[in-house]
Amino acid sequence: MYLTAFHDDLAGSGVQVTTVVMTEFGRRLRSSRSNGTDHGYGSVMMVLGDGVAGGKLYGRWPGLAAEQLDRGVDLAVTTDYRAVLGEVLRQQGGRRRRLVGRCFRGLVGGAVLGLMA
């Protein structure tokens, strides 16, 4: 609701907007020895706005069985966050497109998820 209002306010002024919401860490699925859910690996990102091929889940769901977890405690990472941000930047074109390689060194092949229309 709030993200939609944010987008609608900016779009109403004639500005083309793509918003990416992400966290710097996930939470462990299994509790630690102190019974906490410390910082984990797998997480979620949301992308909305102009040019987004929305309404879908992108990436691969690894599952929650012990053998599917990273080290048996964390949701496995299946999509490099740089691939998502890189795709958004490439869609913007021009100077932003050239930034992808400089900002995200080591991103193999500029993976395309099909996130942007």
PDB file of N, CA and C in Angstrom:
ATOM      1  N   MET A   1       0.822  -1.181   0.000  1.00  0.00           N
ATOM      2  CA  MET A   1       0.000   0.000   0.000  1.00  0.00           C
ATOM      3  C   MET A   1       0.874   1.256   0.000  1.00  0.00           C
ATOM      4  N   TYR A   2       1.849   1.340   0.908  1.00  0.00           N
ATOM      5  CA  TYR A   2       2.701   2.521   0.986  1.00  0.00           C
ATOM      6  C   TYR A   2       3.622   2.642  -0.223  1.00  0.00           C
ATOM      7  N   LEU A   3       4.121   1.508  -0.703  1.00  0.00           N
ATOM      8  CA  LEU A   3       4.976   1.548  -1.887  1.00  0.00           C
ATOM      9  C   LEU A   3       4.193   1.994  -3.112  1.00  0.00           C
ATOM     10  N   THR A   4       2.969   1.545  -3.226  1.00  0.00           N
ATOM     11  CA  THR A   4       2.122   1.968  -4.339  1.00  0.00           C
ATOM     12  C   THR A   4       1.862   3.468  -4.258  1.00  0.00           C
ATOM     13  N   ALA A   5       1.585   3.974  -3.057  1.00  0.00           N
ATOM     14  CA  ALA A   5       1.353   5.411  -2.887  1.00  0.00           C
ATOM     15  C   ALA A   5       2.605   6.203  -3.246  1.00  0.00           C
ATOM     16  N   PHE A   6       3.771   5.715  -2.834  1.00  0.00           N
ATOM     17  CA  PHE A   6       5.048   6.359  -3.166  1.00  0.00           C
ATOM     18  C   PHE A   6       5.209   6.435  -4.686  1.00  0.00           C
ATOM     19  N   HIS A   7       5.000   5.303  -5.347  1.00  0.00           N
ATOM     20  CA  HIS A   7       5.139   5.263  -6.807  1.00  0.00           C
ATOM     21  C   HIS A   7       4.136   6.192  -7.477  1.00  0.00           C
ATOM     22  N   ASP A   8       2.887   6.132  -7.047  1.00  0.00           N
ATOM     23  CA  ASP A   8       1.850   6.958  -7.663  1.00  0.00           C
ATOM     24  C   ASP A   8       2.135   8.445  -7.489  1.00  0.00           C
ATOM     25  N   ASP A   9       2.650   8.845  -6.320  1.00  0.00           N
ATOM     26  CA  ASP A   9       2.988  10.256  -6.092  1.00  0.00           C
ATOM     27  C   ASP A   9       4.068  10.718  -7.060  1.00  0.00           C
ATOM     28  N   LEU A  10       5.118   9.920  -7.214  1.00  0.00           N
ATOM     29  CA  LEU A  10       6.204  10.308  -8.124  1.00  0.00           C
ATOM     30  C   LEU A  10       5.763  10.252  -9.581  1.00  0.00           C
ATOM     31  N   ALA A  11       5.028   9.206  -9.937  1.00  0.00           N
ATOM     32  CA  ALA A  11       4.572   9.063 -11.316  1.00  0.00           C
ATOM     33  C   ALA A  11       3.615  10.199 -11.689  1.00  0.00           C
ATOM     34  N   GLY A  12       2.858  10.687 -10.720  1.00  0.00           N
ATOM     35  CA  GLY A  12       1.934  11.788 -10.970  1.00  0.00           C
ATOM     36  C   GLY A  12       2.638  13.074 -11.363  1.00  0.00           C
ATOM     37  N   SER A  13       3.917  13.175 -11.021  1.00  0.00           N
ATOM     38  CA  SER A  13       4.684  14.372 -11.385  1.00  0.00           C
ATOM     39  C   SER A  13       5.395  14.202 -12.723  1.00  0.00           C
ATOM     40  N   GLY A  14       5.145  13.080 -13.400  1.00  0.00           N
ATOM     41  CA  GLY A  14       5.731  12.839 -14.706  1.00  0.00           C
ATOM     42  C   GLY A  14       7.096  12.171 -14.678  1.00  0.00           C
ATOM     43  N   VAL A  15       7.541  11.749 -13.509  1.00  0.00           N
ATOM     44  CA  VAL A  15       8.841  11.093 -13.362  1.00  0.00           C
ATOM     45  C   VAL A  15       8.664   9.589 -13.521  1.00  0.00           C
ATOM     46  N   GLN A  16       9.533   8.971 -14.311  1.00  0.00           N
ATOM     47  CA  GLN A  16       9.491   7.517 -14.461  1.00  0.00           C
ATOM     48  C   GLN A  16      10.264   6.896 -13.293  1.00  0.00           C
ATOM     49  N   VAL A  17       9.640   5.967 -12.585  1.00  0.00           N
ATOM     50  CA  VAL A  17      10.214   5.454 -11.337  1.00  0.00           C
ATOM     51  C   VAL A  17      10.229   3.932 -11.332  1.00  0.00           C
ATOM     52  N   THR A  18      11.352   3.382 -10.906  1.00  0.00           N
ATOM     53  CA  THR A  18      11.457   1.960 -10.594  1.00  0.00           C
ATOM     54  C   THR A  18      11.993   1.886  -9.180  1.00  0.00           C
ATOM     55  N   THR A  19      11.292   1.206  -8.295  1.00  0.00           N
ATOM     56  CA  THR A  19      11.678   1.099  -6.889  1.00  0.00           C
ATOM     57  C   THR A  19      12.095  -0.326  -6.581  1.00  0.00           C
ATOM     58  N   VAL A  20      13.244  -0.466  -5.905  1.00  0.00           N
ATOM     59  CA  VAL A  20      13.740  -1.763  -5.468  1.00  0.00           C
ATOM     60  C   VAL A  20      13.799  -1.744  -3.948  1.00  0.00           C
ATOM     61  N   VAL A  21      13.162  -2.723  -3.325  1.00  0.00           N
ATOM     62  CA  VAL A  21      13.176  -2.846  -1.874  1.00  0.00           C
ATOM     63  C   VAL A  21      13.912  -4.129  -1.532  1.00  0.00           C
ATOM     64  N   MET A  22      14.928  -3.999  -0.691  1.00  0.00           N
ATOM     65  CA  MET A  22      15.709  -5.173  -0.300  1.00  0.00           C
ATOM     66  C   MET A  22      16.266  -4.964   1.100  1.00  0.00           C
ATOM     67  N   THR A  23      16.757  -6.026   1.679  1.00  0.00           N
ATOM     68  CA  THR A  23      17.395  -5.964   2.982  1.00  0.00           C
ATOM     69  C   THR A  23      18.844  -6.399   2.832  1.00  0.00           C
ATOM     70  N   GLU A  24      19.670  -5.993   3.747  1.00  0.00           N
ATOM     71  CA  GLU A  24      21.077  -6.372   3.663  1.00  0.00           C
ATOM     72  C   GLU A  24      21.322  -7.773   4.209  1.00  0.00           C
ATOM     73  N   PHE A  25      20.344  -8.351   4.864  1.00  0.00           N
ATOM     74  CA  PHE A  25      20.500  -9.709   5.376  1.00  0.00           C
ATOM     75  C   PHE A  25      19.137 -10.353   5.577  1.00  0.00           C
ATOM     76  N   GLY A  26      19.131 -11.657   5.590  1.00  0.00           N
ATOM     77  CA  GLY A  26      17.919 -12.403   5.895  1.00  0.00           C
ATOM     78  C   GLY A  26      17.960 -12.857   7.345  1.00  0.00           C
ATOM     79  N   ARG A  27      17.124 -13.771   7.686  1.00  0.00           N
ATOM     80  CA  ARG A  27      17.110 -14.377   9.021  1.00  0.00           C
ATOM     81  C   ARG A  27      17.320 -15.864   8.873  1.00  0.00           C
ATOM     82  N   ARG A  28      18.007 -16.432   9.835  1.00  0.00           N
ATOM     83  CA  ARG A  28      18.199 -17.875   9.828  1.00  0.00           C
ATOM     84  C   ARG A  28      16.852 -18.564   9.979  1.00  0.00           C
ATOM     85  N   LEU A  29      16.704 -19.690   9.337  1.00  0.00           N
ATOM     86  CA  LEU A  29      15.474 -20.452   9.465  1.00  0.00           C
ATOM     87  C   LEU A  29      15.476 -21.250  10.765  1.00  0.00           C
ATOM     88  N   ARG A  30      16.624 -21.774  11.116  1.00  0.00           N
ATOM     89  CA  ARG A  30      16.776 -22.548  12.342  1.00  0.00           C
ATOM     90  C   ARG A  30      17.401 -21.671  13.423  1.00  0.00           C
ATOM     91  N   SER A  31      16.978 -21.860  14.650  1.00  0.00           N
ATOM     92  CA  SER A  31      17.503 -21.078  15.768  1.00  0.00           C
ATOM     93  C   SER A  31      18.961 -21.404  16.042  1.00  0.00           C
ATOM     94  N   SER A  32      19.671 -20.394  16.541  1.00  0.00           N
ATOM     95  CA  SER A  32      21.065 -20.582  16.941  1.00  0.00           C
ATOM     96  C   SER A  32      21.105 -21.220  18.339  1.00  0.00           C
ATOM     97  N   ARG A  33      22.315 -21.435  18.838  1.00  0.00           N
ATOM     98  CA  ARG A  33      22.461 -22.033  20.177  1.00  0.00           C
ATOM     99  C   ARG A  33      21.838 -21.171  21.259  1.00  0.00           C
ATOM    100  N   SER A  34      21.790 -19.865  21.038  1.00  0.00           N
ATOM    101  CA  SER A  34      21.178 -18.967  22.030  1.00  0.00           C
ATOM    102  C   SER A  34      19.680 -18.781  21.770  1.00  0.00           C
ATOM    103  N   ASN A  35      19.122 -19.638  20.909  1.00  0.00           N
ATOM    104  CA  ASN A  35      17.701 -19.645  20.574  1.00  0.00           C
ATOM    105  C   ASN A  35      17.276 -18.396  19.781  1.00  0.00           C
ATOM    106  N   GLY A  36      18.224 -17.776  19.091  1.00  0.00           N
ATOM    107  CA  GLY A  36      17.910 -16.610  18.275  1.00  0.00           C
ATOM    108  C   GLY A  36      17.909 -16.957  16.805  1.00  0.00           C
ATOM    109  N   THR A  37      17.405 -16.039  16.011  1.00  0.00           N
ATOM    110  CA  THR A  37      17.447 -16.211  14.554  1.00  0.00           C
ATOM    111  C   THR A  37      18.362 -15.131  14.001  1.00  0.00           C
ATOM    112  N   ASP A  38      19.659 -15.369  14.178  1.00  0.00           N
ATOM    113  CA  ASP A  38      20.679 -14.414  13.756  1.00  0.00           C
ATOM    114  C   ASP A  38      20.571 -14.099  12.272  1.00  0.00           C
ATOM    115  N   HIS A  39      21.439 -13.194  11.828  1.00  0.00           N
ATOM    116  CA  HIS A  39      21.480 -12.830  10.413  1.00  0.00           C
ATOM    117  C   HIS A  39      21.719 -14.072   9.565  1.00  0.00           C
ATOM    118  N   GLY A  40      20.905 -14.209   8.538  1.00  0.00           N
ATOM    119  CA  GLY A  40      21.037 -15.335   7.632  1.00  0.00           C
ATOM    120  C   GLY A  40      21.362 -14.852   6.237  1.00  0.00           C
ATOM    121  N   TYR A  41      21.247 -15.745   5.270  1.00  0.00           N
ATOM    122  CA  TYR A  41      21.624 -15.429   3.896  1.00  0.00           C
ATOM    123  C   TYR A  41      20.427 -15.106   3.015  1.00  0.00           C
ATOM    124  N   GLY A  42      19.569 -16.069   2.785  1.00  0.00           N
ATOM    125  CA  GLY A  42      18.468 -15.882   1.845  1.00  0.00           C
ATOM    126  C   GLY A  42      17.509 -14.808   2.315  1.00  0.00           C
ATOM    127  N   SER A  43      16.938 -14.074   1.380  1.00  0.00           N
ATOM    128  CA  SER A  43      16.044 -12.980   1.696  1.00  0.00           C
ATOM    129  C   SER A  43      15.072 -12.799   0.537  1.00  0.00           C
ATOM    130  N   VAL A  44      14.502 -11.636   0.452  1.00  0.00           N
ATOM    131  CA  VAL A  44      13.556 -11.332  -0.610  1.00  0.00           C
ATOM    132  C   VAL A  44      13.817  -9.912  -1.111  1.00  0.00           C
ATOM    133  N   MET A  45      13.518  -9.673  -2.370  1.00  0.00           N
ATOM    134  CA  MET A  45      13.578  -8.331  -2.943  1.00  0.00           C
ATOM    135  C   MET A  45      12.246  -8.071  -3.636  1.00  0.00           C
ATOM    136  N   MET A  46      11.821  -6.821  -3.613  1.00  0.00           N
ATOM    137  CA  MET A  46      10.614  -6.436  -4.343  1.00  0.00           C
ATOM    138  C   MET A  46      10.989  -5.333  -5.326  1.00  0.00           C
ATOM    139  N   VAL A  47      10.474  -5.430  -6.543  1.00  0.00           N
ATOM    140  CA  VAL A  47      10.726  -4.420  -7.569  1.00  0.00           C
ATOM    141  C   VAL A  47       9.372  -4.007  -8.136  1.00  0.00           C
ATOM    142  N   LEU A  48       9.126  -2.710  -8.178  1.00  0.00           N
ATOM    143  CA  LEU A  48       7.874  -2.238  -8.750  1.00  0.00           C
ATOM    144  C   LEU A  48       8.122  -0.963  -9.517  1.00  0.00           C
ATOM    145  N   GLY A  49       7.246  -0.702 -10.439  1.00  0.00           N
ATOM    146  CA  GLY A  49       7.326   0.560 -11.154  1.00  0.00           C
ATOM    147  C   GLY A  49       7.316   0.400 -12.654  1.00  0.00           C
ATOM    148  N   ASP A  50       7.708   1.487 -13.294  1.00  0.00           N
ATOM    149  CA  ASP A  50       7.690   1.561 -14.751  1.00  0.00           C
ATOM    150  C   ASP A  50       8.681   0.580 -15.355  1.00  0.00           C
ATOM    151  N   GLY A  51       8.226  -0.194 -16.305  1.00  0.00           N
ATOM    152  CA  GLY A  51       9.093  -1.123 -17.010  1.00  0.00           C
ATOM    153  C   GLY A  51       9.298  -2.454 -16.323  1.00  0.00           C
ATOM    154  N   VAL A  52       8.641  -2.701 -15.199  1.00  0.00           N
ATOM    155  CA  VAL A  52       8.806  -3.970 -14.492  1.00  0.00           C
ATOM    156  C   VAL A  52       7.778  -4.974 -15.013  1.00  0.00           C
ATOM    157  N   ALA A  53       8.248  -6.155 -15.364  1.00  0.00           N
ATOM    158  CA  ALA A  53       7.352  -7.245 -15.770  1.00  0.00           C
ATOM    159  C   ALA A  53       6.883  -7.909 -14.480  1.00  0.00           C
ATOM    160  N   GLY A  54       5.920  -7.301 -13.841  1.00  0.00           N
ATOM    161  CA  GLY A  54       5.503  -7.685 -12.495  1.00  0.00           C
ATOM    162  C   GLY A  54       4.503  -8.818 -12.432  1.00  0.00           C
ATOM    163  N   GLY A  55       4.052  -9.063 -11.222  1.00  0.00           N
ATOM    164  CA  GLY A  55       3.055 -10.081 -10.981  1.00  0.00           C
ATOM    165  C   GLY A  55       3.612 -11.488 -10.926  1.00  0.00           C
ATOM    166  N   LYS A  56       4.938 -11.614 -10.834  1.00  0.00           N
ATOM    167  CA  LYS A  56       5.565 -12.935 -10.831  1.00  0.00           C
ATOM    168  C   LYS A  56       6.614 -13.024  -9.743  1.00  0.00           C
ATOM    169  N   LEU A  57       6.959 -14.250  -9.430  1.00  0.00           N
ATOM    170  CA  LEU A  57       8.097 -14.533  -8.562  1.00  0.00           C
ATOM    171  C   LEU A  57       9.255 -14.887  -9.473  1.00  0.00           C
ATOM    172  N   TYR A  58      10.360 -14.168  -9.353  1.00  0.00           N
ATOM    173  CA  TYR A  58      11.549 -14.451 -10.151  1.00  0.00           C
ATOM    174  C   TYR A  58      12.558 -15.154  -9.258  1.00  0.00           C
ATOM    175  N   GLY A  59      13.278 -16.072  -9.832  1.00  0.00           N
ATOM    176  CA  GLY A  59      14.248 -16.834  -9.046  1.00  0.00           C
ATOM    177  C   GLY A  59      13.768 -18.263  -8.874  1.00  0.00           C
ATOM    178  N   ARG A  60      14.473 -18.970  -8.043  1.00  0.00           N
ATOM    179  CA  ARG A  60      14.176 -20.383  -7.815  1.00  0.00           C
ATOM    180  C   ARG A  60      13.948 -20.598  -6.330  1.00  0.00           C
ATOM    181  N   TRP A  61      12.854 -21.253  -5.975  1.00  0.00           N
ATOM    182  CA  TRP A  61      12.557 -21.559  -4.580  1.00  0.00           C
ATOM    183  C   TRP A  61      13.296 -22.840  -4.202  1.00  0.00           C
ATOM    184  N   PRO A  62      14.242 -22.740  -3.260  1.00  0.00           N
ATOM    185  CA  PRO A  62      15.053 -23.908  -2.929  1.00  0.00           C
ATOM    186  C   PRO A  62      14.342 -24.904  -2.010  1.00  0.00           C
ATOM    187  N   GLY A  63      13.370 -24.457  -1.251  1.00  0.00           N
ATOM    188  CA  GLY A  63      12.685 -25.324  -0.304  1.00  0.00           C
ATOM    189  C   GLY A  63      13.230 -25.154   1.107  1.00  0.00           C
ATOM    190  N   LEU A  64      12.546 -25.766   2.058  1.00  0.00           N
ATOM    191  CA  LEU A  64      12.902 -25.590   3.466  1.00  0.00           C
ATOM    192  C   LEU A  64      13.368 -26.873   4.140  1.00  0.00           C
ATOM    193  N   ALA A  65      13.464 -27.946   3.398  1.00  0.00           N
ATOM    194  CA  ALA A  65      13.964 -29.192   3.987  1.00  0.00           C
ATOM    195  C   ALA A  65      15.425 -28.998   4.381  1.00  0.00           C
ATOM    196  N   ALA A  66      15.853 -29.695   5.411  1.00  0.00           N
ATOM    197  CA  ALA A  66      17.215 -29.530   5.947  1.00  0.00           C
ATOM    198  C   ALA A  66      18.278 -29.638   4.857  1.00  0.00           C
ATOM    199  N   GLU A  67      18.114 -30.576   3.934  1.00  0.00           N
ATOM    200  CA  GLU A  67      19.129 -30.754   2.885  1.00  0.00           C
ATOM    201  C   GLU A  67      19.086 -29.638   1.841  1.00  0.00           C
ATOM    202  N   GLN A  68      18.028 -28.834   1.829  1.00  0.00           N
ATOM    203  CA  GLN A  68      17.921 -27.737   0.875  1.00  0.00           C
ATOM    204  C   GLN A  68      18.423 -26.410   1.459  1.00  0.00           C
ATOM    205  N   LEU A  69      18.679 -26.395   2.756  1.00  0.00           N
ATOM    206  CA  LEU A  69      19.143 -25.180   3.413  1.00  0.00           C
ATOM    207  C   LEU A  69      20.651 -25.038   3.293  1.00  0.00           C
ATOM    208  N   ASP A  70      21.117 -23.817   3.331  1.00  0.00           N
ATOM    209  CA  ASP A  70      22.554 -23.541   3.332  1.00  0.00           C
ATOM    210  C   ASP A  70      23.087 -23.866   4.728  1.00  0.00           C
ATOM    211  N   ARG A  71      24.015 -24.768   4.807  1.00  0.00           N
ATOM    212  CA  ARG A  71      24.594 -25.235   6.071  1.00  0.00           C
ATOM    213  C   ARG A  71      23.538 -25.749   7.051  1.00  0.00           C
ATOM    214  N   GLY A  72      22.376 -26.130   6.512  1.00  0.00           N
ATOM    215  CA  GLY A  72      21.320 -26.693   7.342  1.00  0.00           C
ATOM    216  C   GLY A  72      20.549 -25.704   8.180  1.00  0.00           C
ATOM    217  N   VAL A  73      20.860 -24.394   8.069  1.00  0.00           N
ATOM    218  CA  VAL A  73      20.188 -23.405   8.918  1.00  0.00           C
ATOM    219  C   VAL A  73      19.640 -22.192   8.165  1.00  0.00           C
ATOM    220  N   ASP A  74      20.169 -21.910   6.964  1.00  0.00           N
ATOM    221  CA  ASP A  74      19.785 -20.698   6.246  1.00  0.00           C
ATOM    222  C   ASP A  74      19.071 -21.007   4.944  1.00  0.00           C
ATOM    223  N   LEU A  75      18.123 -20.153   4.589  1.00  0.00           N
ATOM    224  CA  LEU A  75      17.511 -20.240   3.276  1.00  0.00           C
ATOM    225  C   LEU A  75      18.603 -20.021   2.244  1.00  0.00           C
ATOM    226  N   ALA A  76      18.687 -20.896   1.276  1.00  0.00           N
ATOM    227  CA  ALA A  76      19.739 -20.807   0.269  1.00  0.00           C
ATOM    228  C   ALA A  76      19.516 -19.607  -0.646  1.00  0.00           C
ATOM    229  N   VAL A  77      20.602 -18.935  -0.977  1.00  0.00           N
ATOM    230  CA  VAL A  77      20.556 -17.814  -1.931  1.00  0.00           C
ATOM    231  C   VAL A  77      20.529 -18.403  -3.334  1.00  0.00           C
ATOM    232  N   THR A  78      19.540 -18.022  -4.125  1.00  0.00           N
ATOM    233  CA  THR A  78      19.428 -18.551  -5.485  1.00  0.00           C
ATOM    234  C   THR A  78      19.595 -17.475  -6.550  1.00  0.00           C
ATOM    235  N   THR A  79      19.514 -16.201  -6.160  1.00  0.00           N
ATOM    236  CA  THR A  79      19.636 -15.101  -7.115  1.00  0.00           C
ATOM    237  C   THR A  79      20.573 -14.051  -6.533  1.00  0.00           C
ATOM    238  N   ASP A  80      21.572 -13.677  -7.288  1.00  0.00           N
ATOM    239  CA  ASP A  80      22.512 -12.644  -6.874  1.00  0.00           C
ATOM    240  C   ASP A  80      21.797 -11.293  -6.934  1.00  0.00           C
ATOM    241  N   TYR A  81      21.784 -10.560  -5.831  1.00  0.00           N
ATOM    242  CA  TYR A  81      21.095  -9.270  -5.797  1.00  0.00           C
ATOM    243  C   TYR A  81      21.650  -8.318  -6.866  1.00  0.00           C
ATOM    244  N   ARG A  82      22.927  -8.490  -7.231  1.00  0.00           N
ATOM    245  CA  ARG A  82      23.528  -7.636  -8.258  1.00  0.00           C
ATOM    246  C   ARG A  82      22.875  -7.871  -9.615  1.00  0.00           C
ATOM    247  N   ALA A  83      22.386  -9.084  -9.861  1.00  0.00           N
ATOM    248  CA  ALA A  83      21.701  -9.365 -11.126  1.00  0.00           C
ATOM    249  C   ALA A  83      20.402  -8.566 -11.210  1.00  0.00           C
ATOM    250  N   VAL A  84      19.692  -8.451 -10.092  1.00  0.00           N
ATOM    251  CA  VAL A  84      18.442  -7.679 -10.064  1.00  0.00           C
ATOM    252  C   VAL A  84      18.744  -6.195 -10.272  1.00  0.00           C
ATOM    253  N   LEU A  85      19.662  -5.658  -9.480  1.00  0.00           N
ATOM    254  CA  LEU A  85      19.993  -4.236  -9.601  1.00  0.00           C
ATOM    255  C   LEU A  85      20.600  -3.922 -10.966  1.00  0.00           C
ATOM    256  N   GLY A  86      21.435  -4.825 -11.475  1.00  0.00           N
ATOM    257  CA  GLY A  86      22.032  -4.632 -12.790  1.00  0.00           C
ATOM    258  C   GLY A  86      20.989  -4.596 -13.884  1.00  0.00           C
ATOM    259  N   GLU A  87      19.996  -5.455 -13.781  1.00  0.00           N
ATOM    260  CA  GLU A  87      18.946  -5.468 -14.803  1.00  0.00           C
ATOM    261  C   GLU A  87      18.140  -4.177 -14.776  1.00  0.00           C
ATOM    262  N   VAL A  88      17.871  -3.658 -13.596  1.00  0.00           N
ATOM    263  CA  VAL A  88      17.151  -2.384 -13.490  1.00  0.00           C
ATOM    264  C   VAL A  88      17.988  -1.266 -14.107  1.00  0.00           C
ATOM    265  N   LEU A  89      19.286  -1.233 -13.795  1.00  0.00           N
ATOM    266  CA  LEU A  89      20.155  -0.205 -14.359  1.00  0.00           C
ATOM    267  C   LEU A  89      20.254  -0.309 -15.879  1.00  0.00           C
ATOM    268  N   ARG A  90      20.396  -1.527 -16.390  1.00  0.00           N
ATOM    269  CA  ARG A  90      20.493  -1.704 -17.846  1.00  0.00           C
ATOM    270  C   ARG A  90      19.229  -1.230 -18.543  1.00  0.00           C
ATOM    271  N   GLN A  91      18.088  -1.445 -17.926  1.00  0.00           N
ATOM    272  CA  GLN A  91      16.826  -1.027 -18.522  1.00  0.00           C
ATOM    273  C   GLN A  91      16.761   0.499 -18.620  1.00  0.00           C
ATOM    274  N   GLN A  92      17.435   1.184 -17.710  1.00  0.00           N
ATOM    275  CA  GLN A  92      17.442   2.644 -17.720  1.00  0.00           C
ATOM    276  C   GLN A  92      18.259   3.187 -18.890  1.00  0.00           C
ATOM    277  N   GLY A  93      19.208   2.383 -19.389  1.00  0.00           N
ATOM    278  CA  GLY A  93      19.990   2.762 -20.567  1.00  0.00           C
ATOM    279  C   GLY A  93      21.051   3.808 -20.298  1.00  0.00           C
ATOM    280  N   GLY A  94      21.695   4.254 -21.367  1.00  0.00           N
ATOM    281  CA  GLY A  94      22.685   5.329 -21.314  1.00  0.00           C
ATOM    282  C   GLY A  94      23.807   5.079 -20.328  1.00  0.00           C
ATOM    283  N   ARG A  95      24.151   6.104 -19.578  1.00  0.00           N
ATOM    284  CA  ARG A  95      25.249   6.024 -18.610  1.00  0.00           C
ATOM    285  C   ARG A  95      25.006   4.943 -17.552  1.00  0.00           C
ATOM    286  N   ARG A  96      23.758   4.760 -17.170  1.00  0.00           N
ATOM    287  CA  ARG A  96      23.446   3.762 -16.140  1.00  0.00           C
ATOM    288  C   ARG A  96      23.821   2.356 -16.605  1.00  0.00           C
ATOM    289  N   ARG A  97      23.612   2.084 -17.878  1.00  0.00           N
ATOM    290  CA  ARG A  97      23.949   0.773 -18.431  1.00  0.00           C
ATOM    291  C   ARG A  97      25.444   0.495 -18.284  1.00  0.00           C
ATOM    292  N   ARG A  98      26.255   1.509 -18.529  1.00  0.00           N
ATOM    293  CA  ARG A  98      27.707   1.336 -18.418  1.00  0.00           C
ATOM    294  C   ARG A  98      28.156   1.182 -16.968  1.00  0.00           C
ATOM    295  N   LEU A  99      27.355   1.636 -16.030  1.00  0.00           N
ATOM    296  CA  LEU A  99      27.701   1.522 -14.612  1.00  0.00           C
ATOM    297  C   LEU A  99      27.659   0.083 -14.103  1.00  0.00           C
ATOM    298  N   VAL A 100      26.878  -0.768 -14.732  1.00  0.00           N
ATOM    299  CA  VAL A 100      26.683  -2.132 -14.237  1.00  0.00           C
ATOM    300  C   VAL A 100      28.020  -2.841 -14.052  1.00  0.00           C
ATOM    301  N   GLY A 101      28.864  -2.845 -15.077  1.00  0.00           N
ATOM    302  CA  GLY A 101      30.153  -3.526 -14.978  1.00  0.00           C
ATOM    303  C   GLY A 101      31.083  -2.902 -13.962  1.00  0.00           C
ATOM    304  N   ARG A 102      31.022  -1.585 -13.823  1.00  0.00           N
ATOM    305  CA  ARG A 102      31.894  -0.904 -12.863  1.00  0.00           C
ATOM    306  C   ARG A 102      31.414  -1.072 -11.433  1.00  0.00           C
ATOM    307  N   CYS A 103      30.116  -1.067 -11.227  1.00  0.00           N
ATOM    308  CA  CYS A 103      29.559  -1.179  -9.866  1.00  0.00           C
ATOM    309  C   CYS A 103      29.528  -2.613  -9.365  1.00  0.00           C
ATOM    310  N   PHE A 104      29.277  -3.545 -10.263  1.00  0.00           N
ATOM    311  CA  PHE A 104      29.079  -4.939  -9.856  1.00  0.00           C
ATOM    312  C   PHE A 104      30.149  -5.831 -10.468  1.00  0.00           C
ATOM    313  N   ARG A 105      31.385  -5.553 -10.153  1.00  0.00           N
ATOM    314  CA  ARG A 105      32.500  -6.362 -10.657  1.00  0.00           C
ATOM    315  C   ARG A 105      32.301  -7.816 -10.246  1.00  0.00           C
ATOM    316  N   GLY A 106      32.598  -8.708 -11.161  1.00  0.00           N
ATOM    317  CA  GLY A 106      32.467 -10.126 -10.863  1.00  0.00           C
ATOM    318  C   GLY A 106      31.095 -10.692 -11.158  1.00  0.00           C
ATOM    319  N   LEU A 107      30.149  -9.846 -11.553  1.00  0.00           N
ATOM    320  CA  LEU A 107      28.836 -10.353 -11.934  1.00  0.00           C
ATOM    321  C   LEU A 107      28.987 -11.077 -13.258  1.00  0.00           C
ATOM    322  N   VAL A 108      28.802 -12.371 -13.241  1.00  0.00           N
ATOM    323  CA  VAL A 108      29.091 -13.195 -14.402  1.00  0.00           C
ATOM    324  C   VAL A 108      28.059 -12.982 -15.496  1.00  0.00           C
ATOM    325  N   GLY A 109      28.532 -12.524 -16.653  1.00  0.00           N
ATOM    326  CA  GLY A 109      27.705 -12.449 -17.852  1.00  0.00           C
ATOM    327  C   GLY A 109      26.533 -11.509 -17.815  1.00  0.00           C
ATOM    328  N   GLY A 110      26.399 -10.685 -16.787  1.00  0.00           N
ATOM    329  CA  GLY A 110      25.263  -9.783 -16.755  1.00  0.00           C
ATOM    330  C   GLY A 110      23.961 -10.533 -16.857  1.00  0.00           C
ATOM    331  N   ALA A 111      23.770 -11.507 -15.983  1.00  0.00           N
ATOM    332  CA  ALA A 111      22.597 -12.362 -16.008  1.00  0.00           C
ATOM    333  C   ALA A 111      21.313 -11.553 -16.201  1.00  0.00           C
ATOM    334  N   VAL A 112      20.424 -12.063 -17.031  1.00  0.00           N
ATOM    335  CA  VAL A 112      19.134 -11.413 -17.267  1.00  0.00           C
ATOM    336  C   VAL A 112      18.045 -12.327 -16.731  1.00  0.00           C
ATOM    337  N   LEU A 113      17.254 -11.786 -15.829  1.00  0.00           N
ATOM    338  CA  LEU A 113      16.187 -12.555 -15.199  1.00  0.00           C
ATOM    339  C   LEU A 113      14.860 -12.426 -15.945  1.00  0.00           C
ATOM    340  N   GLY A 114      14.758 -11.405 -16.808  1.00  0.00           N
ATOM    341  CA  GLY A 114      13.484 -11.131 -17.468  1.00  0.00           C
ATOM    342  C   GLY A 114      12.577 -10.283 -16.621  1.00  0.00           C
ATOM    343  N   LEU A 115      13.168  -9.644 -15.624  1.00  0.00           N
ATOM    344  CA  LEU A 115      12.422  -8.828 -14.665  1.00  0.00           C
ATOM    345  C   LEU A 115      11.859  -7.554 -15.282  1.00  0.00           C
ATOM    346  N   MET A 116      12.620  -7.001 -16.221  1.00  0.00           N
ATOM    347  CA  MET A 116      12.196  -5.745 -16.825  1.00  0.00           C
ATOM    348  C   MET A 116      11.554  -6.007 -18.188  1.00  0.00           C
ATOM    349  N   ALA A 117      10.447  -5.322 -18.437  1.00  0.00           N
ATOM    350  CA  ALA A 117       9.713  -5.506 -19.693  1.00  0.00           C
ATOM    351  C   ALA A 117      10.459  -4.903 -20.849  1.00  0.00           C
TER     352      ALA A 117
END
